[in-house]
N, C-alpha and C. Protein backbone atom coordinates (compact mmCIF):
# COMPACT_ATOMS: atom_id res chain seq x y z
N UNK A 1 51.81 21.08 -17.83
CA UNK A 1 50.92 19.99 -18.15
C UNK A 1 49.47 20.37 -17.88
N UNK A 2 49.20 20.93 -16.67
CA UNK A 2 47.84 21.34 -16.34
C UNK A 2 47.38 22.50 -17.21
N UNK A 3 48.29 23.33 -17.62
CA UNK A 3 47.93 24.46 -18.46
C UNK A 3 47.42 23.97 -19.82
N UNK A 4 47.93 22.85 -20.28
CA UNK A 4 47.49 22.34 -21.57
C UNK A 4 46.11 21.69 -21.47
N UNK A 5 45.75 21.17 -20.27
CA UNK A 5 44.45 20.50 -20.08
C UNK A 5 43.34 21.47 -19.68
N UNK A 6 43.69 22.68 -19.27
CA UNK A 6 42.70 23.65 -18.80
C UNK A 6 41.60 23.95 -19.82
N UNK A 7 41.87 24.04 -21.12
CA UNK A 7 40.78 24.31 -22.07
C UNK A 7 39.75 23.17 -22.16
N UNK A 8 40.15 21.97 -21.79
CA UNK A 8 39.24 20.82 -21.88
C UNK A 8 38.43 20.59 -20.61
N UNK A 9 38.66 21.38 -19.57
CA UNK A 9 37.98 21.19 -18.29
C UNK A 9 36.45 21.34 -18.42
N UNK A 10 35.93 22.40 -19.05
CA UNK A 10 34.47 22.49 -19.17
C UNK A 10 33.86 21.34 -19.98
N UNK A 11 34.57 20.90 -21.01
CA UNK A 11 34.07 19.79 -21.83
C UNK A 11 34.04 18.50 -21.02
N UNK A 12 35.10 18.27 -20.25
CA UNK A 12 35.15 17.07 -19.40
C UNK A 12 34.05 17.11 -18.35
N UNK A 13 33.82 18.28 -17.76
CA UNK A 13 32.77 18.44 -16.75
C UNK A 13 31.40 18.14 -17.36
N UNK A 14 31.14 18.70 -18.53
CA UNK A 14 29.86 18.46 -19.20
C UNK A 14 29.70 16.99 -19.60
N UNK A 15 30.78 16.34 -20.02
CA UNK A 15 30.72 14.92 -20.38
C UNK A 15 30.39 14.07 -19.15
N UNK A 16 31.03 14.36 -18.01
CA UNK A 16 30.73 13.63 -16.78
C UNK A 16 29.29 13.86 -16.33
N UNK A 17 28.82 15.10 -16.46
CA UNK A 17 27.44 15.41 -16.10
C UNK A 17 26.46 14.66 -17.00
N UNK A 18 26.77 14.59 -18.29
CA UNK A 18 25.93 13.86 -19.23
C UNK A 18 25.92 12.37 -18.92
N UNK A 19 27.06 11.82 -18.59
CA UNK A 19 27.14 10.40 -18.22
C UNK A 19 26.34 10.13 -16.95
N UNK A 20 26.46 11.01 -15.96
CA UNK A 20 25.73 10.85 -14.70
C UNK A 20 24.22 10.82 -14.95
N UNK A 21 23.70 11.78 -15.70
CA UNK A 21 22.26 11.84 -15.94
C UNK A 21 21.77 10.68 -16.82
N UNK A 22 22.62 10.21 -17.72
CA UNK A 22 22.26 9.06 -18.54
C UNK A 22 22.13 7.81 -17.68
N UNK A 23 23.10 7.59 -16.79
CA UNK A 23 23.05 6.43 -15.89
C UNK A 23 21.82 6.53 -14.99
N UNK A 24 21.55 7.71 -14.46
CA UNK A 24 20.37 7.88 -13.61
C UNK A 24 19.08 7.67 -14.39
N UNK A 25 19.06 8.04 -15.64
CA UNK A 25 17.88 7.84 -16.48
C UNK A 25 17.58 6.37 -16.71
N UNK A 26 18.60 5.55 -16.70
CA UNK A 26 18.39 4.12 -16.90
C UNK A 26 18.17 3.38 -15.59
N UNK A 27 18.95 3.71 -14.56
CA UNK A 27 18.93 2.90 -13.34
C UNK A 27 18.38 3.63 -12.12
N UNK A 28 18.02 4.86 -12.22
CA UNK A 28 17.57 5.63 -11.07
C UNK A 28 16.17 5.24 -10.61
N UNK A 29 15.63 6.01 -9.66
CA UNK A 29 14.31 5.74 -9.06
C UNK A 29 13.22 5.62 -10.12
N UNK A 30 13.19 6.50 -11.08
CA UNK A 30 12.19 6.45 -12.13
C UNK A 30 12.77 6.05 -13.46
N UNK A 31 13.87 5.32 -13.44
CA UNK A 31 14.58 4.97 -14.66
C UNK A 31 13.88 3.93 -15.51
N UNK A 32 14.38 3.78 -16.71
CA UNK A 32 13.79 2.86 -17.66
C UNK A 32 13.92 1.40 -17.24
N UNK A 33 15.00 1.05 -16.55
CA UNK A 33 15.22 -0.33 -16.16
C UNK A 33 14.39 -0.74 -14.95
N UNK A 34 13.77 0.18 -14.27
CA UNK A 34 12.94 -0.13 -13.10
C UNK A 34 11.45 -0.14 -13.43
N UNK A 35 11.14 -0.15 -14.68
CA UNK A 35 9.73 -0.13 -15.11
C UNK A 35 8.98 -1.36 -14.61
N UNK A 36 9.62 -2.54 -14.64
CA UNK A 36 8.97 -3.76 -14.18
C UNK A 36 8.67 -3.71 -12.69
N UNK A 37 9.60 -3.15 -11.91
CA UNK A 37 9.37 -3.02 -10.47
C UNK A 37 8.21 -2.08 -10.19
N UNK A 38 8.13 -0.98 -10.94
CA UNK A 38 7.02 -0.04 -10.75
C UNK A 38 5.71 -0.69 -11.15
N UNK A 39 5.71 -1.48 -12.22
CA UNK A 39 4.48 -2.16 -12.64
C UNK A 39 4.03 -3.18 -11.59
N UNK A 40 4.97 -3.92 -11.02
CA UNK A 40 4.63 -4.89 -9.99
C UNK A 40 4.09 -4.19 -8.74
N UNK A 41 4.70 -3.07 -8.38
CA UNK A 41 4.22 -2.32 -7.23
C UNK A 41 2.82 -1.76 -7.48
N UNK A 42 2.58 -1.32 -8.70
CA UNK A 42 1.25 -0.80 -9.05
C UNK A 42 0.20 -1.90 -8.96
N UNK A 43 0.52 -3.09 -9.44
CA UNK A 43 -0.41 -4.21 -9.37
C UNK A 43 -0.71 -4.58 -7.92
N UNK A 44 0.34 -4.62 -7.09
CA UNK A 44 0.15 -4.95 -5.67
C UNK A 44 -0.71 -3.90 -4.97
N UNK A 45 -0.46 -2.64 -5.25
CA UNK A 45 -1.26 -1.57 -4.63
C UNK A 45 -2.70 -1.59 -5.13
N UNK A 46 -2.91 -1.96 -6.38
CA UNK A 46 -4.27 -2.05 -6.92
C UNK A 46 -5.04 -3.17 -6.22
N UNK A 47 -4.37 -4.31 -6.00
CA UNK A 47 -5.02 -5.41 -5.26
C UNK A 47 -5.34 -4.99 -3.83
N UNK A 48 -4.40 -4.31 -3.20
CA UNK A 48 -4.62 -3.85 -1.83
C UNK A 48 -5.79 -2.86 -1.77
N UNK A 49 -5.87 -1.98 -2.75
CA UNK A 49 -6.98 -1.03 -2.81
C UNK A 49 -8.31 -1.75 -2.96
N UNK A 50 -8.36 -2.77 -3.80
CA UNK A 50 -9.59 -3.53 -4.00
C UNK A 50 -10.01 -4.23 -2.70
N UNK A 51 -9.03 -4.79 -1.97
CA UNK A 51 -9.34 -5.46 -0.71
C UNK A 51 -9.85 -4.46 0.32
N UNK A 52 -9.21 -3.32 0.44
CA UNK A 52 -9.64 -2.31 1.40
C UNK A 52 -11.02 -1.77 1.04
N UNK A 53 -11.28 -1.63 -0.25
CA UNK A 53 -12.60 -1.17 -0.69
C UNK A 53 -13.68 -2.18 -0.31
N UNK A 54 -13.39 -3.48 -0.51
CA UNK A 54 -14.35 -4.52 -0.11
C UNK A 54 -14.60 -4.49 1.39
N UNK A 55 -13.53 -4.37 2.18
CA UNK A 55 -13.69 -4.31 3.63
C UNK A 55 -14.49 -3.08 4.04
N UNK A 56 -14.26 -1.96 3.37
CA UNK A 56 -15.01 -0.74 3.67
C UNK A 56 -16.49 -0.91 3.37
N UNK A 57 -16.81 -1.54 2.23
CA UNK A 57 -18.21 -1.78 1.90
C UNK A 57 -18.86 -2.70 2.92
N UNK A 58 -18.12 -3.74 3.36
CA UNK A 58 -18.64 -4.66 4.37
C UNK A 58 -18.92 -3.93 5.68
N UNK A 59 -18.00 -3.07 6.08
CA UNK A 59 -18.21 -2.30 7.32
C UNK A 59 -19.39 -1.34 7.19
N UNK A 60 -19.56 -0.75 6.01
CA UNK A 60 -20.70 0.14 5.81
C UNK A 60 -22.01 -0.62 5.93
N UNK A 61 -22.06 -1.83 5.36
CA UNK A 61 -23.28 -2.64 5.44
C UNK A 61 -23.56 -3.03 6.88
N UNK A 62 -22.50 -3.44 7.60
CA UNK A 62 -22.69 -3.82 9.01
C UNK A 62 -23.14 -2.62 9.84
N UNK A 63 -22.59 -1.46 9.58
CA UNK A 63 -23.00 -0.26 10.32
C UNK A 63 -24.45 0.11 10.00
N UNK A 64 -24.84 -0.08 8.74
CA UNK A 64 -26.22 0.22 8.36
C UNK A 64 -27.18 -0.73 9.06
N UNK A 65 -26.79 -1.99 9.25
CA UNK A 65 -27.66 -2.95 9.93
C UNK A 65 -27.80 -2.64 11.41
N UNK A 66 -26.91 -1.89 11.98
CA UNK A 66 -26.99 -1.53 13.40
C UNK A 66 -27.74 -0.23 13.64
N UNK A 67 -28.15 0.45 12.58
CA UNK A 67 -28.88 1.71 12.75
C UNK A 67 -30.31 1.42 13.20
N UNK A 68 -30.94 2.44 13.76
CA UNK A 68 -32.30 2.29 14.27
C UNK A 68 -33.30 1.94 13.18
N UNK A 69 -33.13 2.48 11.98
CA UNK A 69 -34.10 2.27 10.92
C UNK A 69 -34.12 0.81 10.45
N UNK A 70 -32.97 0.16 10.44
CA UNK A 70 -32.90 -1.22 9.93
C UNK A 70 -32.05 -2.05 10.87
N UNK A 71 -32.58 -2.36 12.02
CA UNK A 71 -31.83 -3.08 13.05
C UNK A 71 -31.90 -4.58 12.79
N UNK A 72 -30.78 -5.23 12.71
CA UNK A 72 -30.71 -6.67 12.52
C UNK A 72 -30.52 -7.32 13.88
N UNK A 73 -31.45 -8.18 14.26
CA UNK A 73 -31.39 -8.81 15.58
C UNK A 73 -30.16 -9.71 15.72
N UNK A 74 -29.83 -10.42 14.66
CA UNK A 74 -28.66 -11.31 14.71
C UNK A 74 -27.38 -10.52 14.90
N UNK A 75 -27.23 -9.45 14.16
CA UNK A 75 -26.02 -8.65 14.26
C UNK A 75 -25.95 -7.96 15.62
N UNK A 76 -27.09 -7.51 16.12
CA UNK A 76 -27.12 -6.87 17.44
C UNK A 76 -26.72 -7.87 18.53
N UNK A 77 -27.24 -9.09 18.43
CA UNK A 77 -26.90 -10.12 19.42
C UNK A 77 -25.41 -10.46 19.33
N UNK A 78 -24.90 -10.61 18.13
CA UNK A 78 -23.48 -10.91 17.96
C UNK A 78 -22.61 -9.82 18.57
N UNK A 79 -22.96 -8.58 18.30
CA UNK A 79 -22.18 -7.45 18.83
C UNK A 79 -22.27 -7.37 20.34
N UNK A 80 -23.46 -7.59 20.91
CA UNK A 80 -23.63 -7.54 22.36
C UNK A 80 -22.83 -8.65 23.03
N UNK A 81 -22.88 -9.86 22.47
CA UNK A 81 -22.09 -10.96 23.04
C UNK A 81 -20.60 -10.65 22.98
N UNK A 82 -20.18 -10.05 21.89
CA UNK A 82 -18.76 -9.72 21.75
C UNK A 82 -18.33 -8.69 22.78
N UNK A 83 -19.15 -7.66 22.96
CA UNK A 83 -18.78 -6.60 23.90
C UNK A 83 -18.87 -7.06 25.35
N UNK A 84 -19.87 -7.88 25.68
CA UNK A 84 -20.06 -8.32 27.06
C UNK A 84 -19.23 -9.54 27.41
N UNK A 85 -18.72 -10.22 26.41
CA UNK A 85 -17.88 -11.39 26.66
C UNK A 85 -18.68 -12.64 26.92
N UNK A 86 -19.94 -12.69 26.54
CA UNK A 86 -20.76 -13.88 26.73
C UNK A 86 -20.72 -14.74 25.49
N UNK A 87 -20.99 -16.03 25.68
CA UNK A 87 -21.05 -16.95 24.56
C UNK A 87 -22.23 -17.89 24.77
N UNK A 88 -22.81 -18.30 23.70
CA UNK A 88 -23.89 -19.27 23.75
C UNK A 88 -23.27 -20.63 24.04
N UNK A 89 -23.94 -21.50 24.78
CA UNK A 89 -23.36 -22.83 25.06
C UNK A 89 -23.06 -23.64 23.79
N UNK A 90 -23.73 -23.33 22.70
CA UNK A 90 -23.49 -24.05 21.45
C UNK A 90 -22.38 -23.43 20.62
N UNK A 91 -21.86 -22.31 21.07
CA UNK A 91 -20.80 -21.63 20.32
C UNK A 91 -19.46 -22.29 20.56
N UNK A 92 -18.61 -22.23 19.54
CA UNK A 92 -17.23 -22.67 19.68
C UNK A 92 -16.38 -21.44 19.98
N UNK A 93 -15.60 -21.51 21.05
CA UNK A 93 -14.76 -20.39 21.43
C UNK A 93 -13.31 -20.79 21.24
N UNK A 94 -12.60 -20.02 20.47
CA UNK A 94 -11.18 -20.27 20.20
C UNK A 94 -10.41 -19.11 20.84
N UNK A 95 -9.63 -19.44 21.83
CA UNK A 95 -8.86 -18.41 22.52
C UNK A 95 -7.50 -18.25 21.85
N UNK A 96 -7.13 -17.02 21.64
CA UNK A 96 -5.84 -16.71 21.04
C UNK A 96 -5.01 -15.93 22.05
N UNK A 97 -3.72 -16.15 22.03
CA UNK A 97 -2.85 -15.38 22.90
C UNK A 97 -2.76 -13.95 22.35
N UNK A 98 -2.82 -12.95 23.24
CA UNK A 98 -2.74 -11.57 22.75
C UNK A 98 -1.36 -11.21 22.24
């Protein structure tokens, strides 16, 4: 019985290999059926990049205001109060648990 099936072994192996790669092409990590998930992930990462870019620009502006050439008195006072732990009597202080 096995002797009669032996000539078909390479064909069966190649057919199984072809089926495996076809299934992976549709449902695998980069498959055709996961295109929507990749698009959603790309949109989310693009939004995150835009937010991080805005935060970076804000930090650059704040750092520039603390330089000697263009010192902002308000920003300097805010930073000093933050570091020293002082508050103005007119300030609202909201304590958060660490």
